[in-house]
Amino acid sequence: MEKRRFGRTEHMSTVAILGAFSFGHLTQEEADEKFEEVVLTSGINHIDVAPTYGEAELRLGPWMERVRDRFFVGCKTQERDKQDAADELRRSLERLRIDRFDLHQLHAVTSMEELDQVTSSGGALEALIEARDEGLTDYIGITGHGMDCPRVFQEALRRFDFDSVLFPINFVLYANPTYRRETEVLLRMCRERDVGVMVIKAVAKGRWGDRPREYTTWYEPFDQLDTIQPAVNFALSKDVTGLCTAGDPTILPLFIEACENFTPMDESAQEKLIAKAHKYEVIFE
């Protein structure tokens, strides 16, 4: 599988980054089987996990004890004040059975108001800075969802020298001119500042709405290789490090296969794919 430099961290990450949400609702036996047969076999070397991902930290813990040195491990906190974020970070270390993170991130910062919360005096960012000073994490990042995310992260990078960002890129979203424009601005900023870029929701095609949820993803995903592959090709053709795998264990191997078979898309092919986005629902309100 192709590897790309994860910004100033210098880590050469596989273009498929394990989105550990897919492990959050498995039994330990199921998680062990999936980790061994899918993750280790594929050679994935970068993990993204969070305490809000069900039991994912506990399911990965036994493996991290054994193979920690094979992975760049990123975790997150959705707490907004300093003490709560510091406490949660330490709980995550315990649950994962490791003594340090490679990356810890402010999670789900979706608005300017939330950015104000985490970057203010006594906010969660201070906890991550102290954790870095203590050697509990090497790098600090920020993650988010929603249509305002690229604009919010531009401001975040002006306020603090984050090492990474994680946000949605997907051809359905690119059909929205504002989202596309702000994303391109953010990607330029990241390139100029040597900030690593992780992508989520690369294979999202819309909201579930009132329909029964067939997968554990919060959005309705593309679920066949012939539709997953072009979505993955599109996202990886942008100036990014890699894609967090979809949060459903049945789609996980298909997503990884698409990353292994990645073929770059030129601008013309990207525009043709974007032109098909009208067939799908908007992903965010």
C-alpha atoms as a PDB file:
ATOM      1  CA  MET A   1       0.000   0.000   0.000  1.00  0.00           C
ATOM      2  CA  GLU A   2       1.222   3.503  -0.798  1.00  0.00           C
ATOM      3  CA  LYS A   3       2.661   5.538   2.063  1.00  0.00           C
ATOM      4  CA  ARG A   4       2.750   9.317   2.361  1.00  0.00           C
ATOM      5  CA  ARG A   5       4.558  11.697   4.674  1.00  0.00           C
ATOM      6  CA  PHE A   6       2.290  12.861   7.507  1.00  0.00           C
ATOM      7  CA  GLY A   7       3.398  16.474   7.531  1.00  0.00           C
ATOM      8  CA  ARG A   8       6.102  17.580   9.943  1.00  0.00           C
ATOM      9  CA  THR A   9       5.735  14.396  12.002  1.00  0.00           C
ATOM     10  CA  GLU A  10       7.803  12.774   9.229  1.00  0.00           C
ATOM     11  CA  HIS A  11       5.861   9.549   9.707  1.00  0.00           C
ATOM     12  CA  MET A  12       5.256   7.702   6.452  1.00  0.00           C
ATOM     13  CA  SER A  13       1.625   6.726   6.921  1.00  0.00           C
ATOM     14  CA  THR A  14      -0.245   4.224   4.811  1.00  0.00           C
ATOM     15  CA  VAL A  15      -2.934   5.947   2.751  1.00  0.00           C
ATOM     16  CA  ALA A  16      -5.485   3.814   4.597  1.00  0.00           C
ATOM     17  CA  ILE A  17      -5.541   4.930   8.236  1.00  0.00           C
ATOM     18  CA  LEU A  18      -7.465   2.644  10.553  1.00  0.00           C
ATOM     19  CA  GLY A  19     -10.584   4.453  11.725  1.00  0.00           C
ATOM     20  CA  ALA A  20     -11.076   2.465  14.929  1.00  0.00           C
ATOM     21  CA  PHE A  21     -14.790   3.264  15.207  1.00  0.00           C
ATOM     22  CA  SER A  22     -15.311   0.049  13.240  1.00  0.00           C
ATOM     23  CA  PHE A  23     -14.010  -1.884  16.282  1.00  0.00           C
ATOM     24  CA  GLY A  24     -16.167  -0.107  18.831  1.00  0.00           C
ATOM     25  CA  HIS A  25     -19.119  -2.495  18.779  1.00  0.00           C
ATOM     26  CA  LEU A  26     -17.314  -5.808  18.267  1.00  0.00           C
ATOM     27  CA  THR A  27     -16.618  -8.467  20.849  1.00  0.00           C
ATOM     28  CA  GLN A  28     -12.959  -8.964  21.711  1.00  0.00           C
ATOM     29  CA  GLU A  29     -12.937 -12.195  19.720  1.00  0.00           C
ATOM     30  CA  GLU A  30     -14.398 -10.449  16.664  1.00  0.00           C
ATOM     31  CA  ALA A  31     -11.983  -7.534  17.051  1.00  0.00           C
ATOM     32  CA  ASP A  32      -8.996  -9.882  17.326  1.00  0.00           C
ATOM     33  CA  GLU A  33      -9.976 -11.663  14.142  1.00  0.00           C
ATOM     34  CA  LYS A  34     -10.553  -8.421  12.237  1.00  0.00           C
ATOM     35  CA  PHE A  35      -7.312  -6.862  13.457  1.00  0.00           C
ATOM     36  CA  GLU A  36      -5.207  -9.867  12.532  1.00  0.00           C
ATOM     37  CA  GLU A  37      -6.850 -10.736   9.220  1.00  0.00           C
ATOM     38  CA  VAL A  38      -7.492  -7.229   7.902  1.00  0.00           C
ATOM     39  CA  VAL A  39      -5.294  -4.642   9.632  1.00  0.00           C
ATOM     40  CA  LEU A  40      -2.040  -6.549  10.076  1.00  0.00           C
ATOM     41  CA  THR A  41      -2.328  -8.296   6.724  1.00  0.00           C
ATOM     42  CA  SER A  42      -2.857  -5.017   4.864  1.00  0.00           C
ATOM     43  CA  GLY A  43       0.177  -3.382   6.471  1.00  0.00           C
ATOM     44  CA  ILE A  44      -1.747  -0.385   7.817  1.00  0.00           C
ATOM     45  CA  ASN A  45       0.599   1.529  10.147  1.00  0.00           C
ATOM     46  CA  HIS A  46      -1.512   4.436  11.422  1.00  0.00           C
ATOM     47  CA  ILE A  47      -4.480   4.229  13.830  1.00  0.00           C
ATOM     48  CA  ASP A  48      -7.076   6.867  14.688  1.00  0.00           C
ATOM     49  CA  VAL A  49      -9.149   6.126  17.797  1.00  0.00           C
ATOM     50  CA  ALA A  50     -11.230   8.013  20.348  1.00  0.00           C
ATOM     51  CA  PRO A  51     -12.875   7.321  23.731  1.00  0.00           C
ATOM     52  CA  THR A  52     -16.251   8.063  22.124  1.00  0.00           C
ATOM     53  CA  TYR A  53     -15.842   5.130  19.707  1.00  0.00           C
ATOM     54  CA  GLY A  54     -17.694   2.607  21.840  1.00  0.00           C
ATOM     55  CA  GLU A  55     -15.255   0.022  23.220  1.00  0.00           C
ATOM     56  CA  ALA A  56     -12.640   0.568  20.496  1.00  0.00           C
ATOM     57  CA  GLU A  57      -9.853   1.538  22.912  1.00  0.00           C
ATOM     58  CA  LEU A  58     -10.424  -1.608  24.984  1.00  0.00           C
ATOM     59  CA  ARG A  59     -10.564  -3.807  21.882  1.00  0.00           C
ATOM     60  CA  LEU A  60      -7.272  -2.425  20.567  1.00  0.00           C
ATOM     61  CA  GLY A  61      -5.547  -2.508  23.965  1.00  0.00           C
ATOM     62  CA  PRO A  62      -4.410  -6.159  23.849  1.00  0.00           C
ATOM     63  CA  TRP A  63      -2.941  -5.580  20.401  1.00  0.00           C
ATOM     64  CA  MET A  64      -1.196  -2.348  21.339  1.00  0.00           C
ATOM     65  CA  GLU A  65       0.598  -4.213  24.115  1.00  0.00           C
ATOM     66  CA  ARG A  66       2.056  -6.538  21.484  1.00  0.00           C
ATOM     67  CA  VAL A  67       2.541  -4.449  18.344  1.00  0.00           C
ATOM     68  CA  ARG A  68       2.672  -0.808  19.505  1.00  0.00           C
ATOM     69  CA  ASP A  69       5.909  -0.144  17.627  1.00  0.00           C
ATOM     70  CA  ARG A  70       4.252  -0.913  14.276  1.00  0.00           C
ATOM     71  CA  PHE A  71       1.749   1.936  14.525  1.00  0.00           C
ATOM     72  CA  PHE A  72       1.498   5.686  14.653  1.00  0.00           C
ATOM     73  CA  VAL A  73      -1.294   6.054  17.218  1.00  0.00           C
ATOM     74  CA  GLY A  74      -3.582   9.076  17.269  1.00  0.00           C
ATOM     75  CA  CYS A  75      -6.320   9.608  19.829  1.00  0.00           C
ATOM     76  CA  LYS A  76      -8.811  12.397  20.575  1.00  0.00           C
ATOM     77  CA  THR A  77     -10.711  14.225  23.260  1.00  0.00           C
ATOM     78  CA  GLN A  78     -14.128  15.769  22.899  1.00  0.00           C
ATOM     79  CA  GLU A  79     -13.851  17.439  26.307  1.00  0.00           C
ATOM     80  CA  ARG A  80     -13.718  21.216  26.152  1.00  0.00           C
ATOM     81  CA  ASP A  81     -12.019  22.261  29.405  1.00  0.00           C
ATOM     82  CA  LYS A  82      -8.463  21.580  30.495  1.00  0.00           C
ATOM     83  CA  GLN A  83      -8.970  19.238  33.452  1.00  0.00           C
ATOM     84  CA  ASP A  84     -11.565  17.027  31.788  1.00  0.00           C
ATOM     85  CA  ALA A  85      -9.410  16.714  28.670  1.00  0.00           C
ATOM     86  CA  ALA A  86      -6.338  15.853  30.740  1.00  0.00           C
ATOM     87  CA  ASP A  87      -8.242  13.182  32.662  1.00  0.00           C
ATOM     88  CA  GLU A  88      -9.678  11.664  29.502  1.00  0.00           C
ATOM     89  CA  LEU A  89      -6.270  11.551  27.810  1.00  0.00           C
ATOM     90  CA  ARG A  90      -4.856   9.498  30.686  1.00  0.00           C
ATOM     91  CA  ARG A  91      -7.842   7.149  30.678  1.00  0.00           C
ATOM     92  CA  SER A  92      -7.298   6.549  26.973  1.00  0.00           C
ATOM     93  CA  LEU A  93      -3.656   5.638  27.604  1.00  0.00           C
ATOM     94  CA  GLU A  94      -4.763   3.124  30.215  1.00  0.00           C
ATOM     95  CA  ARG A  95      -7.467   1.606  28.026  1.00  0.00           C
ATOM     96  CA  LEU A  96      -5.097   1.301  25.081  1.00  0.00           C
ATOM     97  CA  ARG A  97      -2.345  -0.102  27.344  1.00  0.00           C
ATOM     98  CA  ILE A  98       0.283   2.309  26.044  1.00  0.00           C
ATOM     99  CA  ASP A  99       2.412   4.976  27.719  1.00  0.00           C
ATOM    100  CA  ARG A 100       2.269   7.707  25.085  1.00  0.00           C
ATOM    101  CA  PHE A 101       0.469   8.844  21.953  1.00  0.00           C
ATOM    102  CA  ASP A 102       2.096   9.889  18.724  1.00  0.00           C
ATOM    103  CA  LEU A 103      -0.766  12.349  18.211  1.00  0.00           C
ATOM    104  CA  HIS A 104      -3.555  13.656  20.384  1.00  0.00           C
ATOM    105  CA  GLN A 105      -6.355  15.761  18.890  1.00  0.00           C
ATOM    106  CA  LEU A 106      -9.104  18.156  19.857  1.00  0.00           C
ATOM    107  CA  HIS A 107     -12.106  16.210  18.596  1.00  0.00           C
ATOM    108  CA  ALA A 108     -15.231  17.349  16.730  1.00  0.00           C
ATOM    109  CA  VAL A 109     -14.550  21.084  16.759  1.00  0.00           C
ATOM    110  CA  THR A 110     -17.357  22.082  14.404  1.00  0.00           C
ATOM    111  CA  SER A 111     -17.902  25.799  14.988  1.00  0.00           C
ATOM    112  CA  MET A 112     -16.119  29.013  15.888  1.00  0.00           C
ATOM    113  CA  GLU A 113     -17.817  28.858  19.284  1.00  0.00           C
ATOM    114  CA  GLU A 114     -16.300  25.441  19.990  1.00  0.00           C
ATOM    115  CA  LEU A 115     -12.944  26.645  18.719  1.00  0.00           C
ATOM    116  CA  ASP A 116     -13.171  29.521  21.192  1.00  0.00           C
ATOM    117  CA  GLN A 117     -13.913  27.026  23.975  1.00  0.00           C
ATOM    118  CA  VAL A 118     -10.966  24.755  23.362  1.00  0.00           C
ATOM    119  CA  THR A 119      -8.422  27.508  22.679  1.00  0.00           C
ATOM    120  CA  SER A 120      -9.405  29.834  25.521  1.00  0.00           C
ATOM    121  CA  SER A 121      -7.644  30.033  28.879  1.00  0.00           C
ATOM    122  CA  GLY A 122      -8.448  26.834  30.739  1.00  0.00           C
ATOM    123  CA  GLY A 123      -9.561  25.127  27.529  1.00  0.00           C
ATOM    124  CA  ALA A 124      -8.732  21.622  26.335  1.00  0.00           C
ATOM    125  CA  LEU A 125      -5.831  22.791  24.184  1.00  0.00           C
ATOM    126  CA  GLU A 126      -3.870  23.654  27.319  1.00  0.00           C
ATOM    127  CA  ALA A 127      -4.201  20.043  28.481  1.00  0.00           C
ATOM    128  CA  LEU A 128      -2.769  18.755  25.208  1.00  0.00           C
ATOM    129  CA  ILE A 129       0.122  21.210  25.343  1.00  0.00           C
ATOM    130  CA  GLU A 130       0.953  20.078  28.883  1.00  0.00           C
ATOM    131  CA  ALA A 131       0.676  16.437  27.807  1.00  0.00           C
ATOM    132  CA  ARG A 132       3.148  17.132  25.019  1.00  0.00           C
ATOM    133  CA  ASP A 133       5.508  18.795  27.486  1.00  0.00           C
ATOM    134  CA  GLU A 134       5.221  15.715  29.739  1.00  0.00           C
ATOM    135  CA  GLY A 135       5.983  13.332  26.880  1.00  0.00           C
ATOM    136  CA  LEU A 136       2.475  11.838  26.777  1.00  0.00           C
ATOM    137  CA  THR A 137       2.007  12.885  23.144  1.00  0.00           C
ATOM    138  CA  ASP A 138       4.437  13.972  20.469  1.00  0.00           C
ATOM    139  CA  TYR A 139       2.042  15.996  18.331  1.00  0.00           C
ATOM    140  CA  ILE A 140      -1.232  17.911  18.610  1.00  0.00           C
ATOM    141  CA  GLY A 141      -4.038  17.968  16.052  1.00  0.00           C
ATOM    142  CA  ILE A 142      -7.637  19.024  15.540  1.00  0.00           C
ATOM    143  CA  THR A 143     -10.609  17.185  14.013  1.00  0.00           C
ATOM    144  CA  GLY A 144     -14.065  18.245  12.880  1.00  0.00           C
ATOM    145  CA  HIS A 145     -17.205  17.622  10.848  1.00  0.00           C
ATOM    146  CA  GLY A 146     -19.756  19.780   9.112  1.00  0.00           C
ATOM    147  CA  MET A 147     -19.934  22.337   6.330  1.00  0.00           C
ATOM    148  CA  ASP A 148     -18.076  25.017   8.321  1.00  0.00           C
ATOM    149  CA  CYS A 149     -15.154  22.770   9.196  1.00  0.00           C
ATOM    150  CA  PRO A 150     -12.642  24.010   6.566  1.00  0.00           C
ATOM    151  CA  ARG A 151     -13.279  27.641   7.528  1.00  0.00           C
ATOM    152  CA  VAL A 152     -13.054  26.870  11.262  1.00  0.00           C
ATOM    153  CA  PHE A 153      -9.756  25.069  10.761  1.00  0.00           C
ATOM    154  CA  GLN A 154      -8.260  27.960   8.849  1.00  0.00           C
ATOM    155  CA  GLU A 155      -8.844  30.052  11.953  1.00  0.00           C
ATOM    156  CA  ALA A 156      -7.565  27.238  14.183  1.00  0.00           C
ATOM    157  CA  LEU A 157      -4.247  27.236  12.308  1.00  0.00           C
ATOM    158  CA  ARG A 158      -3.977  30.985  12.782  1.00  0.00           C
ATOM    159  CA  ARG A 159      -4.443  30.584  16.535  1.00  0.00           C
ATOM    160  CA  PHE A 160      -2.183  27.583  17.147  1.00  0.00           C
ATOM    161  CA  ASP A 161       0.463  25.661  15.239  1.00  0.00           C
ATOM    162  CA  PHE A 162      -1.416  22.362  14.992  1.00  0.00           C
ATOM    163  CA  ASP A 163       0.548  19.436  13.574  1.00  0.00           C
ATOM    164  CA  SER A 164      -2.456  17.827  11.864  1.00  0.00           C
ATOM    165  CA  VAL A 165      -6.047  18.324  10.801  1.00  0.00           C
ATOM    166  CA  LEU A 166      -8.748  15.729  10.174  1.00  0.00           C
ATOM    167  CA  PHE A 167     -11.911  16.641   8.256  1.00  0.00           C
ATOM    168  CA  PRO A 168     -14.219  15.422   5.445  1.00  0.00           C
ATOM    169  CA  ILE A 169     -13.234  15.391   1.780  1.00  0.00           C
ATOM    170  CA  ASN A 170     -15.517  13.656  -0.665  1.00  0.00           C
ATOM    171  CA  PHE A 171     -16.802  14.239  -4.172  1.00  0.00           C
ATOM    172  CA  VAL A 172     -20.372  14.765  -2.960  1.00  0.00           C
ATOM    173  CA  LEU A 173     -19.209  17.580  -0.664  1.00  0.00           C
ATOM    174  CA  TYR A 174     -17.110  19.067  -3.475  1.00  0.00           C
ATOM    175  CA  ALA A 175     -20.296  19.734  -5.424  1.00  0.00           C
ATOM    176  CA  ASN A 176     -20.930  22.497  -2.883  1.00  0.00           C
ATOM    177  CA  PRO A 177     -18.947  25.526  -4.180  1.00  0.00           C
ATOM    178  CA  THR A 178     -18.384  27.051  -0.743  1.00  0.00           C
ATOM    179  CA  TYR A 179     -17.167  23.834   0.833  1.00  0.00           C
ATOM    180  CA  ARG A 180     -14.893  23.198  -2.118  1.00  0.00           C
ATOM    181  CA  ARG A 181     -13.416  26.701  -2.046  1.00  0.00           C
ATOM    182  CA  GLU A 182     -12.780  26.699   1.697  1.00  0.00           C
ATOM    183  CA  THR A 183     -11.298  23.192   1.559  1.00  0.00           C
ATOM    184  CA  GLU A 184      -8.833  24.231  -1.132  1.00  0.00           C
ATOM    185  CA  VAL A 185      -7.791  27.232   0.981  1.00  0.00           C
ATOM    186  CA  LEU A 186      -7.284  24.972   4.000  1.00  0.00           C
ATOM    187  CA  LEU A 187      -5.248  22.451   2.009  1.00  0.00           C
ATOM    188  CA  ARG A 188      -2.971  25.246   0.798  1.00  0.00           C
ATOM    189  CA  MET A 189      -2.484  26.452   4.370  1.00  0.00           C
ATOM    190  CA  CYS A 190      -1.620  22.924   5.478  1.00  0.00           C
ATOM    191  CA  ARG A 191       0.881  22.513   2.674  1.00  0.00           C
ATOM    192  CA  GLU A 192       2.544  25.842   3.469  1.00  0.00           C
ATOM    193  CA  ARG A 193       2.743  25.016   7.198  1.00  0.00           C
ATOM    194  CA  ASP A 194       3.654  21.344   6.735  1.00  0.00           C
ATOM    195  CA  VAL A 195       0.517  20.170   8.546  1.00  0.00           C
ATOM    196  CA  GLY A 196      -0.545  16.540   8.118  1.00  0.00           C
ATOM    197  CA  VAL A 197      -4.009  16.031   6.611  1.00  0.00           C
ATOM    198  CA  MET A 198      -6.299  13.082   7.363  1.00  0.00           C
ATOM    199  CA  VAL A 199      -9.601  12.647   5.567  1.00  0.00           C
ATOM    200  CA  ILE A 200     -12.869  11.279   6.938  1.00  0.00           C
ATOM    201  CA  LYS A 201     -16.111  10.376   5.143  1.00  0.00           C
ATOM    202  CA  ALA A 202     -14.404   9.723   1.825  1.00  0.00           C
ATOM    203  CA  VAL A 203     -17.076   7.136   0.989  1.00  0.00           C
ATOM    204  CA  ALA A 204     -20.116   8.936   2.433  1.00  0.00           C
ATOM    205  CA  LYS A 205     -22.980   9.357  -0.015  1.00  0.00           C
ATOM    206  CA  GLY A 206     -25.632  10.907   2.214  1.00  0.00           C
ATOM    207  CA  ARG A 207     -27.557  10.999   5.482  1.00  0.00           C
ATOM    208  CA  TRP A 208     -29.592   8.037   6.674  1.00  0.00           C
ATOM    209  CA  GLY A 209     -32.566  10.245   7.370  1.00  0.00           C
ATOM    210  CA  ASP A 210     -35.505   8.094   8.462  1.00  0.00           C
ATOM    211  CA  ARG A 211     -34.237   4.949   6.740  1.00  0.00           C
ATOM    212  CA  PRO A 212     -33.063   1.987   8.845  1.00  0.00           C
ATOM    213  CA  ARG A 213     -29.302   2.040   9.327  1.00  0.00           C
ATOM    214  CA  GLU A 214     -27.700  -0.894   7.574  1.00  0.00           C
ATOM    215  CA  TYR A 215     -24.181  -0.057   8.753  1.00  0.00           C
ATOM    216  CA  THR A 216     -22.621   1.362  11.915  1.00  0.00           C
ATOM    217  CA  THR A 217     -21.560   4.513  10.078  1.00  0.00           C
ATOM    218  CA  TRP A 218     -23.539   7.646  11.046  1.00  0.00           C
ATOM    219  CA  TYR A 219     -23.831   8.464   7.322  1.00  0.00           C
ATOM    220  CA  GLU A 220     -24.947   6.168   4.501  1.00  0.00           C
ATOM    221  CA  PRO A 221     -21.783   4.906   2.807  1.00  0.00           C
ATOM    222  CA  PHE A 222     -21.030   3.624  -0.641  1.00  0.00           C
ATOM    223  CA  ASP A 223     -20.907  -0.113   0.002  1.00  0.00           C
ATOM    224  CA  GLN A 224     -19.775  -1.755  -3.225  1.00  0.00           C
ATOM    225  CA  LEU A 225     -16.211  -1.749  -4.505  1.00  0.00           C
ATOM    226  CA  ASP A 226     -17.241  -0.232  -7.845  1.00  0.00           C
ATOM    227  CA  THR A 227     -18.590   2.841  -6.032  1.00  0.00           C
ATOM    228  CA  ILE A 228     -16.067   2.894  -3.169  1.00  0.00           C
ATOM    229  CA  GLN A 229     -13.085   2.866  -5.543  1.00  0.00           C
ATOM    230  CA  PRO A 230     -13.821   6.138  -7.378  1.00  0.00           C
ATOM    231  CA  ALA A 231     -14.666   7.865  -4.081  1.00  0.00           C
ATOM    232  CA  VAL A 232     -11.326   6.743  -2.627  1.00  0.00           C
ATOM    233  CA  ASN A 233      -9.482   7.683  -5.827  1.00  0.00           C
ATOM    234  CA  PHE A 234     -11.018  11.161  -5.656  1.00  0.00           C
ATOM    235  CA  ALA A 235     -10.072  11.843  -2.034  1.00  0.00           C
ATOM    236  CA  LEU A 236      -6.536  10.454  -2.375  1.00  0.00           C
ATOM    237  CA  SER A 237      -5.975  12.598  -5.463  1.00  0.00           C
ATOM    238  CA  LYS A 238      -6.103  15.634  -3.176  1.00  0.00           C
ATOM    239  CA  ASP A 239      -3.071  16.906  -1.249  1.00  0.00           C
ATOM    240  CA  VAL A 240      -3.665  14.704   1.795  1.00  0.00           C
ATOM    241  CA  THR A 241      -1.789  12.054   3.736  1.00  0.00           C
ATOM    242  CA  GLY A 242      -4.469   9.404   4.002  1.00  0.00           C
ATOM    243  CA  LEU A 243      -8.070   8.384   4.554  1.00  0.00           C
ATOM    244  CA  CYS A 244      -9.569   7.119   7.795  1.00  0.00           C
ATOM    245  CA  THR A 245     -11.344   3.893   6.992  1.00  0.00           C
ATOM    246  CA  ALA A 246     -15.131   3.759   7.189  1.00  0.00           C
ATOM    247  CA  GLY A 247     -16.572   3.026  10.618  1.00  0.00           C
ATOM    248  CA  ASP A 248     -18.218  -0.279   9.745  1.00  0.00           C
ATOM    249  CA  PRO A 249     -16.411  -3.642   9.981  1.00  0.00           C
ATOM    250  CA  THR A 250     -18.069  -5.055   6.866  1.00  0.00           C
ATOM    251  CA  ILE A 251     -17.000  -2.092   4.708  1.00  0.00           C
ATOM    252  CA  LEU A 252     -13.513  -1.960   6.224  1.00  0.00           C
ATOM    253  CA  PRO A 253     -11.928  -4.608   3.925  1.00  0.00           C
ATOM    254  CA  LEU A 254     -13.495  -3.044   0.826  1.00  0.00           C
ATOM    255  CA  PHE A 255     -12.184   0.379   1.817  1.00  0.00           C
ATOM    256  CA  ILE A 256      -8.693  -1.026   2.366  1.00  0.00           C
ATOM    257  CA  GLU A 257      -8.803  -2.842  -0.967  1.00  0.00           C
ATOM    258  CA  ALA A 258      -9.712   0.434  -2.680  1.00  0.00           C
ATOM    259  CA  CYS A 259      -6.761   2.163  -1.001  1.00  0.00           C
ATOM    260  CA  GLU A 260      -4.446  -0.644  -2.126  1.00  0.00           C
ATOM    261  CA  ASN A 261      -5.729  -0.191  -5.688  1.00  0.00           C
ATOM    262  CA  PHE A 262      -5.649   3.614  -5.661  1.00  0.00           C
ATOM    263  CA  THR A 263      -5.291   5.190  -9.088  1.00  0.00           C
ATOM    264  CA  PRO A 264      -4.797   8.981  -9.251  1.00  0.00           C
ATOM    265  CA  MET A 265      -7.604  10.998 -10.837  1.00  0.00           C
ATOM    266  CA  ASP A 266      -6.742  13.918 -13.077  1.00  0.00           C
ATOM    267  CA  GLU A 267      -8.785  17.108 -12.844  1.00  0.00           C
ATOM    268  CA  SER A 268     -11.047  16.143 -15.723  1.00  0.00           C
ATOM    269  CA  ALA A 269     -11.953  12.816 -14.114  1.00  0.00           C
ATOM    270  CA  GLN A 270     -12.552  14.526 -10.776  1.00  0.00           C
ATOM    271  CA  GLU A 271     -14.943  17.027 -12.368  1.00  0.00           C
ATOM    272  CA  LYS A 272     -16.873  14.230 -14.069  1.00  0.00           C
ATOM    273  CA  LEU A 273     -17.306  12.493 -10.727  1.00  0.00           C
ATOM    274  CA  ILE A 274     -18.384  15.701  -8.986  1.00  0.00           C
ATOM    275  CA  ALA A 275     -20.989  16.177 -11.726  1.00  0.00           C
ATOM    276  CA  LYS A 276     -22.633  12.944 -10.551  1.00  0.00           C
ATOM    277  CA  ALA A 277     -23.023  14.214  -6.976  1.00  0.00           C
ATOM    278  CA  HIS A 278     -26.530  15.536  -7.659  1.00  0.00           C
ATOM    279  CA  LYS A 279     -27.760  11.939  -7.447  1.00  0.00           C
ATOM    280  CA  TYR A 280     -26.930  11.810  -3.758  1.00  0.00           C
ATOM    281  CA  GLU A 281     -28.205  13.601  -0.668  1.00  0.00           C
ATOM    282  CA  VAL A 282     -26.177  16.307   1.018  1.00  0.00           C
ATOM    283  CA  ILE A 283     -24.071  14.777   3.781  1.00  0.00           C
ATOM    284  CA  PHE A 284     -24.474  17.648   6.233  1.00  0.00           C
ATOM    285  CA  GLU A 285     -27.304  20.038   6.936  1.00  0.00           C
END
